[in-house]
Structures are given as structure tokens and as C-alpha cells.
């Protein structure tokens, strides 16, 4: 269910990361190599990126497959950034939310994506949704599991939690409410990348002091790609990557 990628490093064109590599996110929209659930990611796509001296990212999303959007090719060719998050979507449940259901979701400096599915949606999420402030529910961009998960994460960020704690606690609560869910979350503010491996693949490529890439799967055959172990929290900057085991709800 979906593929996503985040990048921190020297400014490059969006196409250099998302289109040109042999197994890029663009290609993963129809031919992923390591996707464990679903085969085609054609239910929408999006990319968010940061411009120099502006902490609030720009965003481009569409409801259809990325290969069918000629405007994206021009955008990817000319837009350059040193930080981005992008995703292609395979919908958990078909709906009418169009591009509003496509990642990345955003608020202030944050970009967020969810690769996976909340088991038993929407009934399994009722207790967690009920605990959110009404304004958080009323401002949901879409009626899908990913949008609600973002609301849960954002609620914690606004309460003062740091990114890793916000993701870890959200995954724990969701896994307890809906056992068997796939909860690979990806979050960036343009300076850090935070992610969870919970139910699907996650990889990273790090060149300390230069660039860090975190993705559902490698976009090329560089031997320096490393797989993130299952039930792990990843916290990364341009200079280092830290992996921390996540506790299961029963623990």
C-alpha cells in the first residue's frame, strides 16, 4: 500500500530523485520491487519540497497515477530542493476524496506520509478519533486512514512532543487499537526525517555530512542502502541516522 521517500542533502532537481533513478518512485508507481501489499500505486501521488529560506514547504498532488500527469514532468525537471517528501498511493479503500487523500499531508513546516493500512478501518479508529479535539476532526483533509493518522501525529506535535515521540506513541496506540495494521510513517520538517518501520519495508541511504535518503525501497542498486528492521523508529539528519526499537503494545 503506497511507496514514499524523503530526502535531505544538496539541492537537486525533483526529477533527479523521483524520476531518473532506475527504480525511482516514478517507476515504483507501476513496478515496485519490494512492495508486500498491492502491486500498482495509481490512486494518486504527491510531492512536497522546501525552498531556501522558507520553512513552509510547497506541495503538488494529484488524484491519478503520476505517469499520466504531463505537468509533473515539467515540475520535476525545473524545481530544485535540498529537502523533500514524496509518495505514490494505492488506496486502502476506494473513495471520493481525490487528491486530498494523497500524501504528503502538511501543516506549518511538516510533511507527512503513511505507507500501510489501518486494519478494521474506520471502526477500529473510533476510540482514538473520539479523543481528538473536534477541530482536529473537522479539519481532516480526507476521509481515509492516513488523514486520521496524520491528525493523531499532528495533535502530539502541537502538544510539544518531539517528532520521534509523536510517531512512536501514535504507532503504539494504533497498533493496540487495530492489531495487524501496517504503520510505516514518514515525517520531515526539512531539517530532520523521522520514520517508522511497522508492517512494510523501509530503507535508508546515508552519506554523513552530505545526504540522507529514507524510502520504502531503494531507488537504485547502490550497495550502501540499508534496510530498517521491523518495529523500528528511524531519526535522521544530514549527518547521522539513529535507529531505535519500538515496543509492541503488549510490552
C-alpha atoms as a PDB file:
ATOM      1  CA  UNK A   1       0.000   0.000   0.000  1.00  0.00           C
ATOM      2  CA  UNK A   2       1.896   3.033  -1.274  1.00  0.00           C
ATOM      3  CA  UNK A   3       5.572   3.910  -1.605  1.00  0.00           C
ATOM      4  CA  UNK A   4       7.244   7.007  -0.196  1.00  0.00           C
ATOM      5  CA  UNK A   5      10.598   8.759   0.061  1.00  0.00           C
ATOM      6  CA  UNK A   6      12.205  11.650   1.961  1.00  0.00           C
ATOM      7  CA  UNK A   7      15.485  13.410   1.199  1.00  0.00           C
ATOM      8  CA  UNK A   8      17.895  15.798   2.948  1.00  0.00           C
ATOM      9  CA  UNK A   9      21.026  16.971   1.158  1.00  0.00           C
ATOM     10  CA  UNK A  10      22.392  19.296  -1.522  1.00  0.00           C
ATOM     11  CA  UNK A  11      19.786  20.912  -3.735  1.00  0.00           C
ATOM     12  CA  UNK A  12      18.854  18.653  -6.656  1.00  0.00           C
ATOM     13  CA  UNK A  13      16.013  18.614  -9.154  1.00  0.00           C
ATOM     14  CA  UNK A  14      12.936  16.657  -8.142  1.00  0.00           C
ATOM     15  CA  UNK A  15      13.480  14.515 -11.223  1.00  0.00           C
ATOM     16  CA  UNK A  16      16.968  13.510 -10.114  1.00  0.00           C
ATOM     17  CA  UNK A  17      15.447  11.803  -7.077  1.00  0.00           C
ATOM     18  CA  UNK A  18      11.949  10.848  -8.162  1.00  0.00           C
ATOM     19  CA  UNK A  19      12.171  10.094 -11.899  1.00  0.00           C
ATOM     20  CA  UNK A  20      15.673   9.416 -13.200  1.00  0.00           C
ATOM     21  CA  UNK A  21      16.933   6.522 -10.994  1.00  0.00           C
ATOM     22  CA  UNK A  22      16.410   3.059 -12.457  1.00  0.00           C
ATOM     23  CA  UNK A  23      13.926   2.114  -9.720  1.00  0.00           C
ATOM     24  CA  UNK A  24      12.666   5.588  -8.862  1.00  0.00           C
ATOM     25  CA  UNK A  25       9.436   6.415  -7.087  1.00  0.00           C
ATOM     26  CA  UNK A  26       8.035   7.200 -10.544  1.00  0.00           C
ATOM     27  CA  UNK A  27       8.706   3.607 -11.634  1.00  0.00           C
ATOM     28  CA  UNK A  28       7.520   2.217  -8.307  1.00  0.00           C
ATOM     29  CA  UNK A  29       4.076   3.577  -9.144  1.00  0.00           C
ATOM     30  CA  UNK A  30       3.643   0.646 -11.546  1.00  0.00           C
ATOM     31  CA  UNK A  31       6.593  -1.702 -10.847  1.00  0.00           C
ATOM     32  CA  UNK A  32       7.700  -1.691  -7.199  1.00  0.00           C
ATOM     33  CA  UNK A  33      10.337  -4.279  -6.371  1.00  0.00           C
ATOM     34  CA  UNK A  34       9.717  -4.814  -2.654  1.00  0.00           C
ATOM     35  CA  UNK A  35       6.091  -3.864  -2.072  1.00  0.00           C
ATOM     36  CA  UNK A  36       4.484  -6.570   0.041  1.00  0.00           C
ATOM     37  CA  UNK A  37       0.838  -5.485  -0.330  1.00  0.00           C
ATOM     38  CA  UNK A  38      -0.681  -4.377  -3.629  1.00  0.00           C
ATOM     39  CA  UNK A  39       1.048  -4.172  -6.986  1.00  0.00           C
ATOM     40  CA  UNK A  40       0.228  -0.787  -8.558  1.00  0.00           C
ATOM     41  CA  UNK A  41       0.265   2.646  -6.914  1.00  0.00           C
ATOM     42  CA  UNK A  42      -2.070   4.539  -9.222  1.00  0.00           C
ATOM     43  CA  UNK A  43      -4.559   6.140  -6.798  1.00  0.00           C
ATOM     44  CA  UNK A  44      -2.785   9.474  -6.515  1.00  0.00           C
ATOM     45  CA  UNK A  45       0.637  10.942  -5.809  1.00  0.00           C
ATOM     46  CA  UNK A  46       2.236  13.981  -4.283  1.00  0.00           C
ATOM     47  CA  UNK A  47       5.483  15.751  -3.550  1.00  0.00           C
ATOM     48  CA  UNK A  48       6.328  18.434  -1.020  1.00  0.00           C
ATOM     49  CA  UNK A  49       9.581  20.392  -1.089  1.00  0.00           C
ATOM     50  CA  UNK A  50      11.339  23.215   0.723  1.00  0.00           C
ATOM     51  CA  UNK A  51      12.669  26.377  -0.896  1.00  0.00           C
ATOM     52  CA  UNK A  52      15.708  28.154   0.505  1.00  0.00           C
ATOM     53  CA  UNK A  53      14.918  30.432   3.465  1.00  0.00           C
ATOM     54  CA  UNK A  54      11.267  29.336   3.608  1.00  0.00           C
ATOM     55  CA  UNK A  55      10.319  26.834   6.343  1.00  0.00           C
ATOM     56  CA  UNK A  56       6.862  26.172   4.865  1.00  0.00           C
ATOM     57  CA  UNK A  57       7.022  23.620   2.036  1.00  0.00           C
ATOM     58  CA  UNK A  58       5.360  23.817  -1.350  1.00  0.00           C
ATOM     59  CA  UNK A  59       3.189  20.901  -2.398  1.00  0.00           C
ATOM     60  CA  UNK A  60       1.887  19.322  -5.609  1.00  0.00           C
ATOM     61  CA  UNK A  61      -0.698  16.494  -5.510  1.00  0.00           C
ATOM     62  CA  UNK A  62      -2.948  14.778  -7.996  1.00  0.00           C
ATOM     63  CA  UNK A  63      -5.614  12.062  -7.789  1.00  0.00           C
ATOM     64  CA  UNK A  64      -4.434   9.908 -10.697  1.00  0.00           C
ATOM     65  CA  UNK A  65      -1.235   7.999 -11.465  1.00  0.00           C
ATOM     66  CA  UNK A  66       1.959  10.011 -11.661  1.00  0.00           C
ATOM     67  CA  UNK A  67       2.766   8.653 -15.141  1.00  0.00           C
ATOM     68  CA  UNK A  68      -0.432  10.206 -16.508  1.00  0.00           C
ATOM     69  CA  UNK A  69       0.395  13.759 -15.407  1.00  0.00           C
ATOM     70  CA  UNK A  70       2.488  15.635 -18.023  1.00  0.00           C
ATOM     71  CA  UNK A  71       2.719  18.679 -15.750  1.00  0.00           C
ATOM     72  CA  UNK A  72       4.688  16.686 -13.192  1.00  0.00           C
ATOM     73  CA  UNK A  73       7.433  16.007 -15.742  1.00  0.00           C
ATOM     74  CA  UNK A  74       7.987  19.762 -16.196  1.00  0.00           C
ATOM     75  CA  UNK A  75       7.829  20.387 -12.468  1.00  0.00           C
ATOM     76  CA  UNK A  76      10.344  17.632 -11.737  1.00  0.00           C
ATOM     77  CA  UNK A  77      12.710  18.969 -14.387  1.00  0.00           C
ATOM     78  CA  UNK A  78      12.991  22.552 -13.121  1.00  0.00           C
ATOM     79  CA  UNK A  79      12.229  22.552  -9.380  1.00  0.00           C
ATOM     80  CA  UNK A  80      15.264  22.061  -7.135  1.00  0.00           C
ATOM     81  CA  UNK A  81      15.330  21.458  -3.414  1.00  0.00           C
ATOM     82  CA  UNK A  82      17.578  20.239  -0.624  1.00  0.00           C
ATOM     83  CA  UNK A  83      14.690  18.608   1.259  1.00  0.00           C
ATOM     84  CA  UNK A  84      11.539  16.848   0.091  1.00  0.00           C
ATOM     85  CA  UNK A  85       8.975  14.141   0.758  1.00  0.00           C
ATOM     86  CA  UNK A  86       7.046  12.343  -1.993  1.00  0.00           C
ATOM     87  CA  UNK A  87       4.622   9.431  -2.235  1.00  0.00           C
ATOM     88  CA  UNK A  88       2.607   7.353  -4.694  1.00  0.00           C
ATOM     89  CA  UNK A  89      -0.664   5.889  -3.433  1.00  0.00           C
ATOM     90  CA  UNK A  90      -2.504   2.579  -3.507  1.00  0.00           C
ATOM     91  CA  UNK A  91      -5.752   3.366  -1.691  1.00  0.00           C
ATOM     92  CA  UNK A  92      -6.784   1.240   1.296  1.00  0.00           C
ATOM     93  CA  UNK A  93     -10.449   1.837   0.455  1.00  0.00           C
ATOM     94  CA  UNK A  94     -11.676   3.491  -2.722  1.00  0.00           C
ATOM     95  CA  UNK A  95     -13.233   6.869  -2.025  1.00  0.00           C
ATOM     96  CA  UNK A  96     -14.202  10.222  -3.472  1.00  0.00           C
ATOM     97  CA  UNK A  97     -11.573  12.395  -1.801  1.00  0.00           C
ATOM     98  CA  UNK A  98      -9.432  12.679  -4.920  1.00  0.00           C
ATOM     99  CA  UNK A  99      -6.084  14.447  -4.404  1.00  0.00           C
ATOM    100  CA  UNK A 100      -6.990  15.414  -0.818  1.00  0.00           C
ATOM    101  CA  UNK A 101      -6.341  11.779   0.130  1.00  0.00           C
ATOM    102  CA  UNK A 102      -2.854  11.744  -1.406  1.00  0.00           C
ATOM    103  CA  UNK A 103       0.284  12.329   0.650  1.00  0.00           C
ATOM    104  CA  UNK A 104       2.069  14.374   1.647  1.00  0.00           C
ATOM    105  CA  UNK A 105      -0.181  15.900   4.256  1.00  0.00           C
ATOM    106  CA  UNK A 106       1.148  19.143   5.650  1.00  0.00           C
ATOM    107  CA  UNK A 107       0.867  21.683   8.444  1.00  0.00           C
ATOM    108  CA  UNK A 108       3.339  24.512   9.017  1.00  0.00           C
ATOM    109  CA  UNK A 109       6.843  23.114   8.384  1.00  0.00           C
ATOM    110  CA  UNK A 110       5.751  19.465   8.415  1.00  0.00           C
ATOM    111  CA  UNK A 111       5.254  16.980   5.582  1.00  0.00           C
ATOM    112  CA  UNK A 112       3.802  13.549   6.387  1.00  0.00           C
ATOM    113  CA  UNK A 113       3.081  10.267   4.609  1.00  0.00           C
ATOM    114  CA  UNK A 114       1.667   6.887   5.645  1.00  0.00           C
ATOM    115  CA  UNK A 115       2.534   3.654   3.862  1.00  0.00           C
ATOM    116  CA  UNK A 116       0.216   0.911   5.063  1.00  0.00           C
ATOM    117  CA  UNK A 117      -3.356   0.359   6.179  1.00  0.00           C
ATOM    118  CA  UNK A 118      -5.284   0.617   9.421  1.00  0.00           C
ATOM    119  CA  UNK A 119      -6.968  -2.751   9.934  1.00  0.00           C
ATOM    120  CA  UNK A 120     -10.691  -2.559  10.615  1.00  0.00           C
ATOM    121  CA  UNK A 121     -10.958   0.996   9.319  1.00  0.00           C
ATOM    122  CA  UNK A 122     -12.925   3.041  10.186  1.00  0.00           C
ATOM    123  CA  UNK A 123     -14.482   1.328  13.208  1.00  0.00           C
ATOM    124  CA  UNK A 124     -11.149   0.392  14.782  1.00  0.00           C
ATOM    125  CA  UNK A 125     -10.120   4.069  14.871  1.00  0.00           C
ATOM    126  CA  UNK A 126     -13.234   5.319  16.684  1.00  0.00           C
ATOM    127  CA  UNK A 127     -11.741   5.431  20.227  1.00  0.00           C
ATOM    128  CA  UNK A 128      -8.652   7.344  19.055  1.00  0.00           C
ATOM    129  CA  UNK A 129     -10.664   9.718  16.881  1.00  0.00           C
ATOM    130  CA  UNK A 130     -13.004  10.438  19.793  1.00  0.00           C
ATOM    131  CA  UNK A 131     -10.048  11.567  21.898  1.00  0.00           C
ATOM    132  CA  UNK A 132      -9.050  14.262  19.392  1.00  0.00           C
ATOM    133  CA  UNK A 133     -10.308  17.843  19.733  1.00  0.00           C
ATOM    134  CA  UNK A 134     -13.343  18.429  17.491  1.00  0.00           C
ATOM    135  CA  UNK A 135     -11.383  20.987  15.449  1.00  0.00           C
ATOM    136  CA  UNK A 136      -8.836  18.317  14.535  1.00  0.00           C
ATOM    137  CA  UNK A 137     -11.552  16.064  13.123  1.00  0.00           C
ATOM    138  CA  UNK A 138     -13.332  18.881  11.324  1.00  0.00           C
ATOM    139  CA  UNK A 139     -10.095  19.897   9.604  1.00  0.00           C
ATOM    140  CA  UNK A 140      -9.267  16.442   8.213  1.00  0.00           C
ATOM    141  CA  UNK A 141      -8.276  16.769   4.560  1.00  0.00           C
ATOM    142  CA  UNK A 142      -9.752  13.401   3.603  1.00  0.00           C
ATOM    143  CA  UNK A 143     -11.870  10.543   4.937  1.00  0.00           C
ATOM    144  CA  UNK A 144      -9.148   7.927   4.885  1.00  0.00           C
ATOM    145  CA  UNK A 145      -6.970   6.209   7.458  1.00  0.00           C
ATOM    146  CA  UNK A 146      -3.830   8.162   6.518  1.00  0.00           C
ATOM    147  CA  UNK A 147      -5.504  11.527   7.117  1.00  0.00           C
ATOM    148  CA  UNK A 148      -6.654  10.442  10.568  1.00  0.00           C
ATOM    149  CA  UNK A 149      -3.206   9.086  11.432  1.00  0.00           C
ATOM    150  CA  UNK A 150      -1.752  12.457  10.440  1.00  0.00           C
ATOM    151  CA  UNK A 151      -4.269  14.201  12.723  1.00  0.00           C
ATOM    152  CA  UNK A 152      -3.125  11.993  15.615  1.00  0.00           C
ATOM    153  CA  UNK A 153       0.545  12.736  14.935  1.00  0.00           C
ATOM    154  CA  UNK A 154      -0.087  16.448  14.484  1.00  0.00           C
ATOM    155  CA  UNK A 155      -2.026  16.637  17.744  1.00  0.00           C
ATOM    156  CA  UNK A 156       1.044  15.335  19.560  1.00  0.00           C
ATOM    157  CA  UNK A 157       3.410  17.679  17.713  1.00  0.00           C
ATOM    158  CA  UNK A 158       1.256  20.667  18.619  1.00  0.00           C
ATOM    159  CA  UNK A 159       1.247  19.494  22.243  1.00  0.00           C
ATOM    160  CA  UNK A 160       5.042  19.738  22.265  1.00  0.00           C
ATOM    161  CA  UNK A 161       6.166  16.180  21.564  1.00  0.00           C
ATOM    162  CA  UNK A 162       9.316  15.854  19.519  1.00  0.00           C
ATOM    163  CA  UNK A 163       8.908  14.081  16.193  1.00  0.00           C
ATOM    164  CA  UNK A 164      10.188  10.667  17.249  1.00  0.00           C
ATOM    165  CA  UNK A 165       7.980  10.545  20.328  1.00  0.00           C
ATOM    166  CA  UNK A 166       4.941  11.662  18.332  1.00  0.00           C
ATOM    167  CA  UNK A 167       5.388   8.879  15.777  1.00  0.00           C
ATOM    168  CA  UNK A 168       6.264   6.194  18.322  1.00  0.00           C
ATOM    169  CA  UNK A 169       3.285   6.927  20.570  1.00  0.00           C
ATOM    170  CA  UNK A 170       0.902   7.152  17.615  1.00  0.00           C
ATOM    171  CA  UNK A 171       2.064   3.803  16.243  1.00  0.00           C
ATOM    172  CA  UNK A 172       1.726   2.194  19.672  1.00  0.00           C
ATOM    173  CA  UNK A 173      -1.830   3.450  20.125  1.00  0.00           C
ATOM    174  CA  UNK A 174      -2.881   2.459  16.611  1.00  0.00           C
ATOM    175  CA  UNK A 175      -1.307  -0.996  16.885  1.00  0.00           C
ATOM    176  CA  UNK A 176      -3.174  -1.553  20.150  1.00  0.00           C
ATOM    177  CA  UNK A 177      -6.496  -0.350  18.736  1.00  0.00           C
ATOM    178  CA  UNK A 178      -6.118  -2.163  15.416  1.00  0.00           C
ATOM    179  CA  UNK A 179      -3.728  -5.137  15.697  1.00  0.00           C
ATOM    180  CA  UNK A 180      -2.199  -6.204  12.413  1.00  0.00           C
ATOM    181  CA  UNK A 181      -2.158  -2.689  10.972  1.00  0.00           C
ATOM    182  CA  UNK A 182       0.695  -1.577   8.736  1.00  0.00           C
ATOM    183  CA  UNK A 183       2.061   1.679  10.073  1.00  0.00           C
ATOM    184  CA  UNK A 184       5.081   2.887   8.142  1.00  0.00           C
ATOM    185  CA  UNK A 185       5.014   6.628   8.858  1.00  0.00           C
ATOM    186  CA  UNK A 186       7.311   9.248   7.320  1.00  0.00           C
ATOM    187  CA  UNK A 187       7.701  12.809   8.633  1.00  0.00           C
ATOM    188  CA  UNK A 188      10.032  15.712   7.835  1.00  0.00           C
ATOM    189  CA  UNK A 189      10.361  19.398   8.648  1.00  0.00           C
ATOM    190  CA  UNK A 190      13.092  19.998   6.075  1.00  0.00           C
ATOM    191  CA  UNK A 191      15.857  19.554   8.652  1.00  0.00           C
ATOM    192  CA  UNK A 192      15.121  16.086  10.026  1.00  0.00           C
ATOM    193  CA  UNK A 193      13.475  12.887   8.819  1.00  0.00           C
ATOM    194  CA  UNK A 194      11.586  10.635  11.218  1.00  0.00           C
ATOM    195  CA  UNK A 195      10.065   7.323  10.152  1.00  0.00           C
ATOM    196  CA  UNK A 196       8.714   4.025  11.434  1.00  0.00           C
ATOM    197  CA  UNK A 197       9.077   0.523  10.021  1.00  0.00           C
ATOM    198  CA  UNK A 198       5.942  -1.342  11.098  1.00  0.00           C
ATOM    199  CA  UNK A 199       4.495  -3.859   8.683  1.00  0.00           C
ATOM    200  CA  UNK A 200       6.252  -2.951   5.431  1.00  0.00           C
ATOM    201  CA  UNK A 201       9.707  -2.264   4.036  1.00  0.00           C
ATOM    202  CA  UNK A 202      11.827   0.779   4.882  1.00  0.00           C
ATOM    203  CA  UNK A 203      15.370   1.562   3.725  1.00  0.00           C
ATOM    204  CA  UNK A 204      17.877   4.373   4.112  1.00  0.00           C
ATOM    205  CA  UNK A 205      20.940   5.618   2.258  1.00  0.00           C
ATOM    206  CA  UNK A 206      23.301   7.831   4.243  1.00  0.00           C
ATOM    207  CA  UNK A 207      26.389   9.779   3.238  1.00  0.00           C
ATOM    208  CA  UNK A 208      27.232  11.554   6.531  1.00  0.00           C
ATOM    209  CA  UNK A 209      27.570  15.286   6.123  1.00  0.00           C
ATOM    210  CA  UNK A 210      26.151  15.190   2.597  1.00  0.00           C
ATOM    211  CA  UNK A 211      22.784  13.478   2.129  1.00  0.00           C
ATOM    212  CA  UNK A 212      20.275  11.160   3.738  1.00  0.00           C
ATOM    213  CA  UNK A 213      17.520   9.335   1.865  1.00  0.00           C
ATOM    214  CA  UNK A 214      14.765   7.323   3.563  1.00  0.00           C
ATOM    215  CA  UNK A 215      12.454   5.315   1.307  1.00  0.00           C
ATOM    216  CA  UNK A 216      10.079   2.388   1.139  1.00  0.00           C
ATOM    217  CA  UNK A 217      12.598   0.714  -1.133  1.00  0.00           C
ATOM    218  CA  UNK A 218      15.934   1.581  -2.793  1.00  0.00           C
ATOM    219  CA  UNK A 219      15.679   3.601  -5.989  1.00  0.00           C
ATOM    220  CA  UNK A 220      18.883   2.076  -7.368  1.00  0.00           C
ATOM    221  CA  UNK A 221      21.338  -0.766  -6.678  1.00  0.00           C
ATOM    222  CA  UNK A 222      23.813   1.230  -4.596  1.00  0.00           C
ATOM    223  CA  UNK A 223      25.250  -1.306  -2.097  1.00  0.00           C
ATOM    224  CA  UNK A 224      25.160   1.293   0.688  1.00  0.00           C
ATOM    225  CA  UNK A 225      21.382   1.093   1.087  1.00  0.00           C
ATOM    226  CA  UNK A 226      20.454  -0.397   4.480  1.00  0.00           C
ATOM    227  CA  UNK A 227      17.132  -1.958   5.461  1.00  0.00           C
ATOM    228  CA  UNK A 228      15.478  -0.735   8.642  1.00  0.00           C
ATOM    229  CA  UNK A 229      14.468  -3.637  10.932  1.00  0.00           C
ATOM    230  CA  UNK A 230      10.782  -4.256  11.588  1.00  0.00           C
ATOM    231  CA  UNK A 231       9.295  -2.352  14.561  1.00  0.00           C
ATOM    232  CA  UNK A 232      11.949   0.367  14.469  1.00  0.00           C
ATOM    233  CA  UNK A 233      11.934   4.157  14.737  1.00  0.00           C
ATOM    234  CA  UNK A 234      14.360   5.996  12.448  1.00  0.00           C
ATOM    235  CA  UNK A 235      15.537   9.536  13.211  1.00  0.00           C
ATOM    236  CA  UNK A 236      17.850  11.168  10.692  1.00  0.00           C
ATOM    237  CA  UNK A 237      19.549  14.422   9.792  1.00  0.00           C
ATOM    238  CA  UNK A 238      22.011  15.234   7.028  1.00  0.00           C
ATOM    239  CA  UNK A 239      24.818  13.948   9.260  1.00  0.00           C
ATOM    240  CA  UNK A 240      23.554  10.839  11.032  1.00  0.00           C
ATOM    241  CA  UNK A 241      20.872   8.168  11.307  1.00  0.00           C
ATOM    242  CA  UNK A 242      19.651   6.718  14.605  1.00  0.00           C
ATOM    243  CA  UNK A 243      17.593   3.518  14.828  1.00  0.00           C
ATOM    244  CA  UNK A 244      15.587   2.737  17.970  1.00  0.00           C
ATOM    245  CA  UNK A 245      13.446  -0.390  18.568  1.00  0.00           C
ATOM    246  CA  UNK A 246       9.745   0.285  19.051  1.00  0.00           C
ATOM    247  CA  UNK A 247       7.874  -1.547  21.799  1.00  0.00           C
ATOM    248  CA  UNK A 248       4.857  -3.563  20.839  1.00  0.00           C
ATOM    249  CA  UNK A 249       1.623  -2.701  22.690  1.00  0.00           C
ATOM    250  CA  UNK A 250       1.719  -5.942  24.698  1.00  0.00           C
ATOM    251  CA  UNK A 251       5.134  -4.996  26.025  1.00  0.00           C
END
